[in-house]
Amino acid sequence: MTITLNARLALRPVHPESDGALLHGWVTEERARFWGMLERPLDEVIDIYTYIQEQPHLAAYLVCWDDEPWALFQTYDPAVDEIGEFYDRRPGDVGVHLLMGPGRRPDGFSEAMFTQLPGWVFSDPGVQRIVLEPDARNNASVSLMPRIGARLGPQVEMPQKTAQFAFIERSGWTAPSV
């Protein structure tokens, strides 16, 4: 099922078998090193996204502009995911991950994405806060957080990374001008 966010921007669930080659190309590029899949073969990437799509607390979507995929967007429930053990979790938290696809993005894409995606997450009345936790070494992601309306939280040592937590509160969120 495709979720239309505006006239040009939409989310569609990842279909691991048919999207596997695309995702493999993205997650094995050096710029995606923080996703931890640089050396994964195609069949493992397909298996990972099959697992994600089978879990009730996880979801993966392709962010499409004019029906072309430009980013990968994932959501998770920190009450179930191990991430919830590393910060002061609250009821109504939803975690998100975002990986931009390669290449120059179309004009208007980034602004639409950073205004529409949080709005879509908050369209669930149970969601009170969006949790982001990129690798603290990922300067591009960390520097973007305040610009998209996120409040930086603590840096936390985790087994696979030092996470820079950031939070977008429903009560204070307005669509940013990116």
Foldseek 3Di string as FASTA:
>chain_A
DWADLDPFKIKDFDDLVVCLVVVLVQCLDPLNVQVVCVPPDSVVSSVVSVVQVVDPFKTKIFIGTNNHGFKIKMKGDLVPDPVVVWDPDDFQEMEMDMGTGDDDDDPPVVLSCLQRPVVVSVVPVRHFKYKYWTAPVSVVVVVCQVQSQWAWDDFTDDPSGGTTIIMHGPVPDDGGRD
